[in-house]
Protein backbone atom coordinates (compact mmCIF):
# COMPACT_ATOMS: atom_id res chain seq x y z
CA MET A 1 11.74 89.48 -27.46
CA LYS A 2 12.79 90.66 -24.00
CA LEU A 3 10.13 92.68 -22.19
CA LYS A 4 11.00 95.72 -20.13
CA PRO A 5 10.69 94.70 -16.46
CA LEU A 6 7.94 97.12 -15.44
CA ALA A 7 5.85 96.46 -18.54
CA ALA A 8 6.27 92.75 -18.05
CA LEU A 9 5.20 92.89 -14.41
CA ALA A 10 2.17 94.98 -15.27
CA LEU A 11 1.18 92.47 -17.92
CA ALA A 12 1.78 89.56 -15.60
CA SER A 13 -0.24 91.11 -12.82
CA SER A 14 -3.27 92.10 -14.85
CA LEU A 15 -3.88 89.09 -17.09
CA PHE A 16 -4.49 85.45 -16.32
CA ALA A 17 -5.09 82.16 -18.03
CA SER A 18 -6.96 79.23 -16.57
CA ALA A 19 -7.19 75.51 -17.02
CA PRO A 20 -10.48 73.59 -16.99
CA ALA A 21 -12.26 73.21 -13.66
CA ALA A 22 -10.62 70.72 -11.36
CA SER A 23 -10.19 69.86 -7.72
CA ALA A 24 -7.67 72.25 -6.17
CA ALA A 25 -6.32 70.81 -2.98
CA LYS A 26 -4.08 67.83 -2.59
CA ALA A 27 -5.31 67.66 0.99
CA GLY A 28 -7.49 69.76 3.23
CA TYR A 29 -9.80 72.43 1.84
CA VAL A 30 -10.22 73.79 -1.65
CA ALA A 31 -8.49 77.18 -1.73
CA ALA A 32 -10.59 80.05 -3.02
CA GLU A 33 -9.92 83.64 -4.03
CA THR A 34 -12.12 86.73 -4.04
CA HIS A 35 -11.61 90.47 -4.30
CA ARG A 36 -12.76 93.57 -2.44
CA VAL A 37 -12.07 97.31 -2.49
CA ALA A 38 -11.53 99.39 0.66
CA THR A 39 -10.96 103.09 1.22
CA GLN A 40 -7.43 104.17 2.12
CA PRO A 41 -6.98 107.96 2.48
CA SER A 42 -3.18 107.82 2.16
CA ALA A 43 -3.53 106.17 -1.25
CA VAL A 44 -4.42 109.57 -2.72
CA ALA A 45 -0.80 110.70 -2.37
CA ARG A 46 0.59 107.43 -3.72
CA ASP A 47 -1.76 106.33 -6.49
CA ALA A 48 -0.97 107.67 -9.97
CA GLU A 49 -4.61 108.67 -10.48
CA GLY A 50 -5.06 110.10 -6.98
CA ARG A 51 -7.61 107.46 -6.00
CA ASP A 52 -8.34 106.59 -2.38
CA GLN A 53 -8.98 102.95 -3.19
CA LEU A 54 -7.18 99.90 -1.85
CA ARG A 55 -7.66 96.65 -3.77
CA LEU A 56 -7.90 93.55 -1.56
CA THR A 57 -7.48 89.90 -2.40
CA VAL A 58 -8.79 87.33 0.08
CA TRP A 59 -7.81 83.67 -0.07
CA TYR A 60 -9.83 81.30 2.09
CA PRO A 61 -10.99 77.69 2.56
CA ALA A 62 -13.96 77.00 0.29
CA ARG A 63 -16.90 74.70 0.73
CA ALA A 64 -16.29 71.10 -0.31
CA GLY A 65 -16.98 70.45 -3.98
CA SER A 66 -16.17 74.01 -5.10
CA ALA A 67 -14.86 74.00 -8.67
CA ALA A 68 -11.37 75.41 -9.07
CA ARG A 69 -9.08 76.34 -11.92
CA GLU A 70 -5.40 76.91 -12.44
CA ILE A 71 -4.49 80.60 -12.27
CA ALA A 72 -1.58 81.85 -14.35
CA LEU A 73 -0.33 85.39 -15.01
CA GLY A 74 0.46 86.71 -18.46
CA PRO A 75 -0.92 86.14 -21.96
CA PRO A 76 -3.37 83.21 -22.04
CA ASP A 77 -1.44 81.51 -24.84
CA ALA A 78 1.95 81.90 -23.14
CA PRO A 79 1.61 82.66 -19.40
CA LEU A 80 4.66 83.97 -17.58
CA PHE A 81 3.89 82.67 -14.08
CA ARG A 82 1.94 79.74 -12.65
CA VAL A 83 0.23 80.84 -9.45
CA ALA A 84 -2.06 78.21 -7.93
CA THR A 85 -5.30 76.29 -8.37
CA LEU A 86 -8.13 78.35 -6.91
CA ALA A 87 -11.90 78.56 -6.83
CA ASP A 88 -13.46 81.90 -7.80
CA ASP A 89 -15.74 83.53 -5.22
CA ALA A 90 -16.77 80.16 -3.80
CA PRO A 91 -18.78 79.85 -0.56
CA LEU A 92 -16.74 79.69 2.62
CA ALA A 93 -16.15 76.26 4.07
CA ASP A 94 -17.96 77.50 7.19
CA ASP A 95 -21.66 78.12 7.49
CA ALA A 96 -21.78 78.58 11.27
CA PRO A 97 -20.63 81.99 12.57
CA ILE A 98 -19.30 80.31 15.70
CA ARG A 99 -16.26 79.08 13.74
CA LYS A 100 -13.53 81.70 13.87
CA ARG A 101 -10.46 81.35 11.68
CA PRO A 102 -7.04 82.96 12.17
CA VAL A 103 -5.83 85.49 9.61
CA VAL A 104 -2.55 85.98 7.76
CA LEU A 105 -1.83 89.42 6.28
CA LEU A 106 0.29 89.15 3.14
CA SER A 107 2.34 91.90 1.46
CA HIS A 108 3.79 91.68 -2.05
CA GLY A 109 7.21 92.93 -3.10
CA PHE A 110 8.24 96.21 -4.71
CA GLY A 111 6.21 96.55 -7.92
CA GLY A 112 4.47 93.20 -7.45
CA SER A 113 0.83 92.36 -6.78
CA ALA A 114 -1.33 90.45 -4.36
CA ARG A 115 -2.13 87.80 -6.94
CA MET A 116 1.58 87.20 -7.58
CA MET A 117 1.74 85.87 -4.02
CA GLY A 118 -1.09 83.38 -4.56
CA TRP A 119 1.43 80.52 -4.64
CA PHE A 120 2.02 81.15 -0.91
CA ALA A 121 -1.54 82.08 0.05
CA ALA A 122 -3.24 79.06 -1.53
CA PRO A 123 -1.62 76.40 0.71
CA LEU A 124 -2.49 78.48 3.77
CA ALA A 125 -6.12 78.63 2.64
CA GLN A 126 -6.05 74.89 2.03
CA ALA A 127 -4.93 74.49 5.63
CA GLY A 128 -7.85 76.59 6.86
CA TYR A 129 -6.44 80.11 7.23
CA VAL A 130 -7.94 83.29 5.81
CA VAL A 131 -5.24 85.25 3.98
CA ILE A 132 -5.60 88.93 3.13
CA GLY A 133 -3.41 90.70 0.59
CA VAL A 134 -3.50 94.09 -1.12
CA ASP A 135 -2.12 95.85 -4.17
CA HIS A 136 -0.11 98.58 -2.44
CA PRO A 137 -1.09 101.92 -4.05
CA GLY A 138 1.54 103.43 -6.32
CA ASN A 139 3.82 100.42 -5.85
CA ASN A 140 2.23 97.54 -7.72
CA GLY A 141 2.56 96.01 -11.16
CA VAL A 142 -1.06 96.58 -12.15
CA ASP A 143 -1.10 100.38 -11.92
CA ARG A 144 1.41 103.01 -12.97
CA MET A 145 4.13 103.27 -10.33
CA THR A 146 4.82 106.54 -8.54
CA VAL A 147 7.70 107.99 -6.55
CA PRO A 148 5.56 108.44 -3.40
CA GLY A 149 4.41 104.84 -3.72
CA ALA A 150 8.05 103.79 -3.93
CA ILE A 151 9.32 105.72 -0.90
CA LEU A 152 6.49 105.80 1.68
CA TRP A 153 7.18 102.22 2.73
CA TRP A 154 5.60 102.29 6.19
CA GLU A 155 2.23 103.06 4.58
CA ARG A 156 2.27 99.46 3.40
CA ALA A 157 1.70 98.40 7.01
CA GLU A 158 -1.20 100.83 7.21
CA ASP A 159 -2.62 99.31 4.01
CA LEU A 160 -2.77 95.88 5.62
CA LYS A 161 -4.29 97.24 8.82
CA ARG A 162 -6.95 98.96 6.71
CA ALA A 163 -7.51 95.73 4.76
CA LEU A 164 -7.96 93.70 7.94
CA ALA A 165 -10.53 96.18 9.23
CA ALA A 166 -12.42 95.98 5.92
CA VAL A 167 -12.53 92.19 5.96
CA VAL A 168 -13.61 92.12 9.61
CA ALA A 169 -16.52 94.39 8.60
CA ASP A 170 -17.35 92.30 5.53
CA PRO A 171 -20.63 90.38 5.97
CA GLN A 172 -19.25 87.28 4.25
CA PHE A 173 -15.97 87.00 6.12
CA GLY A 174 -16.37 89.00 9.32
CA PRO A 175 -18.39 86.39 11.25
CA HIS A 176 -15.84 83.70 10.38
CA ILE A 177 -12.50 85.25 11.28
CA ASP A 178 -10.78 85.96 14.57
CA PRO A 179 -9.14 89.43 14.45
CA THR A 180 -7.24 88.66 17.65
CA ARG A 181 -5.26 85.86 15.96
CA VAL A 182 -3.29 87.53 13.18
CA ALA A 183 0.11 86.91 11.60
CA ALA A 184 1.94 88.88 8.93
CA SER A 185 3.99 87.68 6.01
CA GLY A 186 5.55 89.20 2.94
CA PHE A 187 8.22 89.07 0.28
CA SER A 188 11.01 91.64 -0.17
CA ALA A 189 9.43 95.05 0.60
CA GLY A 190 6.57 92.90 1.86
CA GLY A 191 8.95 91.41 4.42
CA PHE A 192 9.71 94.98 5.49
CA THR A 193 5.94 95.48 5.81
CA ALA A 194 5.51 92.44 8.02
CA LEU A 195 8.32 93.57 10.33
CA ALA A 196 6.80 97.06 10.54
CA LEU A 197 3.53 95.47 11.65
CA ALA A 198 5.51 93.79 14.43
CA GLY A 199 6.85 97.13 15.67
CA ALA A 200 10.00 97.82 13.63
CA ARG A 201 10.31 101.58 13.10
CA PHE A 202 11.51 103.43 10.03
CA ASP A 203 14.37 105.95 9.95
CA ARG A 204 14.99 107.38 6.47
CA GLN A 205 18.27 109.01 7.42
CA ARG A 206 19.60 105.70 8.68
CA LEU A 207 18.88 104.12 5.29
CA LEU A 208 20.39 107.08 3.41
CA ASP A 209 23.54 106.87 5.52
CA PHE A 210 23.79 103.15 4.82
CA CYS A 211 23.38 103.67 1.07
CA HIS A 212 25.92 106.50 0.98
CA ALA A 213 28.39 104.14 2.63
CA HIS A 214 27.34 101.10 0.55
CA PRO A 215 26.13 102.41 -2.85
CA ASP A 216 26.48 98.98 -4.46
CA ASP A 217 24.17 97.24 -2.00
CA GLY A 218 21.16 95.86 -3.84
CA VAL A 219 18.56 97.96 -1.99
CA CYS A 220 20.56 101.12 -2.75
CA ARG A 221 20.74 100.59 -6.50
CA PRO A 222 17.89 101.57 -8.87
CA GLN A 223 15.29 98.80 -8.88
CA ILE A 224 14.41 97.17 -12.18
CA GLU A 225 10.69 97.46 -11.46
CA PHE A 226 10.85 101.26 -11.04
CA ALA A 227 14.14 103.16 -10.95
CA ILE A 228 14.23 106.41 -8.98
CA THR A 229 17.07 108.58 -7.71
CA GLU A 230 17.64 110.27 -4.37
CA ASP A 231 16.84 113.55 -6.13
CA ASP A 232 13.47 112.11 -7.25
CA MET A 233 12.78 111.20 -3.64
CA ARG A 234 13.65 114.64 -2.28
CA LYS A 235 11.48 116.38 -4.88
CA ALA A 236 8.53 114.15 -4.00
CA LEU A 237 8.98 114.85 -0.30
CA GLN A 238 8.50 118.57 -0.99
CA ARG A 239 4.90 117.96 -2.02
CA PRO A 240 2.60 118.83 0.90
CA GLU A 241 0.55 115.63 0.75
CA VAL A 242 3.72 113.52 0.67
CA ALA A 243 5.41 115.56 3.39
CA ALA A 244 2.39 115.01 5.63
CA LEU A 245 2.81 111.24 5.35
CA GLU A 246 6.58 111.53 5.73
CA ALA A 247 5.97 113.13 9.12
CA THR A 248 4.51 109.80 10.31
CA ALA A 249 7.45 107.72 9.09
CA GLY A 250 9.02 107.04 12.47
CA ALA A 251 5.74 106.40 14.26
CA ASN A 252 4.65 103.04 15.58
CA HIS A 253 2.86 101.28 12.70
CA SER A 254 2.45 97.99 14.51
CA LEU A 255 -0.67 95.87 14.81
CA PRO A 256 -1.36 94.96 18.47
CA ALA A 257 -3.12 91.70 17.57
CA LEU A 258 -0.09 90.41 15.65
CA LYS A 259 1.15 87.04 16.89
CA ALA A 260 3.94 86.16 14.42
CA VAL A 261 5.92 87.24 11.36
CA PHE A 262 7.11 85.13 8.45
CA ALA A 263 9.37 87.16 6.13
CA MET A 264 10.64 86.02 2.73
CA ALA A 265 13.82 87.74 1.48
CA PRO A 266 13.03 90.91 3.47
CA ALA A 267 14.41 94.14 2.03
CA LEU A 268 15.14 97.63 3.42
CA VAL A 269 16.06 96.22 6.83
CA GLN A 270 18.74 98.92 7.17
CA ALA A 271 15.91 101.46 7.37
CA PHE A 272 14.77 100.08 10.73
CA THR A 273 16.13 101.42 14.00
CA PRO A 274 18.14 98.80 15.91
CA ASP A 275 16.22 99.45 19.12
CA SER A 276 12.88 98.77 17.41
CA LEU A 277 14.13 95.49 15.95
CA ARG A 278 15.38 94.45 19.38
CA GLY A 279 11.96 95.35 20.78
CA ILE A 280 9.97 92.98 18.56
CA GLY A 281 8.25 90.55 20.90
CA VAL A 282 6.54 88.08 18.57
CA PRO A 283 8.10 85.01 16.96
CA VAL A 284 9.86 85.86 13.68
CA ARG A 285 10.94 83.38 11.04
CA ILE A 286 12.89 84.47 7.96
CA VAL A 287 13.76 82.58 4.80
CA SER A 288 16.09 84.07 2.21
CA GLY A 289 18.45 83.08 -0.57
CA GLU A 290 22.21 82.98 -0.40
CA ALA A 291 22.32 84.14 -4.04
CA ASP A 292 20.11 87.20 -3.43
CA THR A 293 21.70 90.29 -5.02
CA VAL A 294 18.64 92.54 -4.56
CA ALA A 295 18.12 92.24 -0.81
CA ALA A 296 21.50 90.85 0.15
CA LEU A 297 21.40 88.23 2.89
CA ALA A 298 23.99 89.92 5.11
CA SER A 299 22.47 93.41 5.15
CA ASN A 300 18.83 92.34 5.27
CA ALA A 301 17.67 88.90 6.38
CA ARG A 302 20.69 88.15 8.54
CA ALA A 303 20.77 91.68 9.97
CA ALA A 304 17.12 91.30 11.01
CA ALA A 305 17.61 87.83 12.43
CA ASP A 306 20.63 88.95 14.46
CA ALA A 307 18.76 91.92 15.93
CA ILE A 308 15.32 90.44 16.68
CA PRO A 309 15.21 88.34 19.86
CA GLY A 310 14.63 84.67 19.09
CA ALA A 311 14.34 85.19 15.33
CA ARG A 312 15.34 82.26 13.14
CA LEU A 313 16.81 82.49 9.65
CA THR A 314 16.93 79.82 6.95
CA ALA A 315 19.39 80.67 4.18
CA LEU A 316 18.82 78.66 1.01
CA PRO A 317 21.77 77.85 -1.25
CA LYS A 318 21.67 79.11 -4.86
CA VAL A 319 18.29 80.79 -4.29
CA GLY A 320 17.95 84.30 -5.73
CA HIS A 321 15.66 87.14 -4.71
CA TYR A 322 12.83 86.51 -7.17
CA ALA A 323 12.48 82.84 -6.27
CA PHE A 324 9.66 83.97 -3.97
CA LEU A 325 7.46 85.09 -6.86
CA SER A 326 4.97 82.69 -8.44
CA THR A 327 6.58 79.92 -10.46
CA CYS A 328 8.15 81.19 -13.67
CA THR A 329 7.13 79.35 -16.83
CA ASP A 330 9.49 78.66 -19.72
CA ALA A 331 8.04 81.76 -21.39
CA GLY A 332 8.70 83.77 -18.26
CA ARG A 333 12.29 82.64 -18.10
CA GLU A 334 12.75 83.59 -21.73
CA LYS A 335 11.17 87.04 -21.53
CA LEU A 336 11.71 88.28 -17.97
CA GLN A 337 15.02 89.15 -16.36
CA ILE A 338 13.60 88.44 -12.92
CA CYS A 339 12.73 84.87 -13.95
CA ALA A 340 16.19 84.24 -15.33
CA ASN A 341 17.71 84.80 -11.89
CA THR A 342 15.47 82.99 -9.42
CA GLY A 343 17.56 79.95 -8.70
CA PRO A 344 15.65 76.85 -7.50
CA GLN A 345 12.12 78.17 -7.04
CA GLU A 346 10.67 74.83 -6.00
CA LEU A 347 13.07 74.68 -3.04
CA ALA A 348 12.21 78.24 -2.02
CA HIS A 349 8.45 77.64 -2.26
CA ARG A 350 8.50 74.29 -0.49
CA THR A 351 10.62 75.63 2.35
CA ALA A 352 8.59 78.81 2.80
CA ILE A 353 5.24 77.03 2.86
CA ALA A 354 6.37 74.33 5.27
CA GLN A 355 7.97 76.77 7.69
CA ALA A 356 5.08 79.23 7.56
CA LEU A 357 2.49 76.55 8.27
CA LYS A 358 4.53 75.32 11.23
CA LEU A 359 4.92 78.84 12.62
CA PHE A 360 1.29 79.80 12.18
CA GLU A 361 -0.04 76.60 13.71
CA ARG A 362 2.13 77.18 16.76
CA THR A 363 1.32 80.87 17.20
CA LEU A 364 -2.25 81.18 15.87
CA GLY A 365 -3.53 77.75 16.69
CA ARG A 366 -4.60 75.12 14.22
CA PRO A 367 -7.55 76.28 12.11
CA ALA A 368 -10.79 74.42 12.72
CA GLN A 369 -11.25 71.55 10.29
């Protein structure tokens, strides 16, 4: 039976199956995962329940010998996605506070989840980085989606800034990370988030004008995760708490400590002002698929690469938009529309991981071993 996309994503994001304990890393550290909750005032306007909570996931290098298990999303007897092999809440590889590790902020796609991006975070943790992701309020597959969560995109950058501050203040992680060496990465709307952290500025009218002129562009069509209309958007913007956040849309949402951006199939690039893209001063690497019909290569990844000084784009043949999710299982490909249209996921994952590690080592420095 085919699952409705949103229901399927919610199921995939909230359940997991695991294999018996095993060693996680092929080389380097064992990758570990833990969870935190921070306060995010703007979440009240976006979260379906009006909560001010921001869920964090932290991936990090674990102490040698930490037991790990395979994480998969979906029903335990028939998982839909294979994520990674991770240790749960294991001790950090570091005991001495003098060791400071660089940080990568990671943003999921529209209607996704932090854990869905574990396939990308785990190899970074194995290499020695601390990776911080969030479930963006009102726009994730665990909670009920909302119109404000779907249209207040720049608040995603604020979510990651809030998450970084929370982890810096965390007694377990704070002494071991260097908040002056930070990179940002993300998939789809998460790629938008990473570029916003680098200084790209949002202009809603610019995006509306683009979509009126190109209604069949993938970012202008209703999204399968959560379909809304322009009328839905305008009604939401009339709510005082949403209007207050809308007033900050064109502000600078950048993170001064940011040293690099790695974007996977970035979406909503037409919402950025050309001057702000040209003003990005950190190294930017972009990987996207030539078969992407959701965030089309020409109007998103290539448009960003052409505008940002020194940016480099890798366009992968036959790769579709959802290739940058965790690896779809046979059950996932049978039940989920998004899994039926990924193209070669292994190529997308291998390329993204290799290029990201190269970029981060060059811009953040090699993590202490």
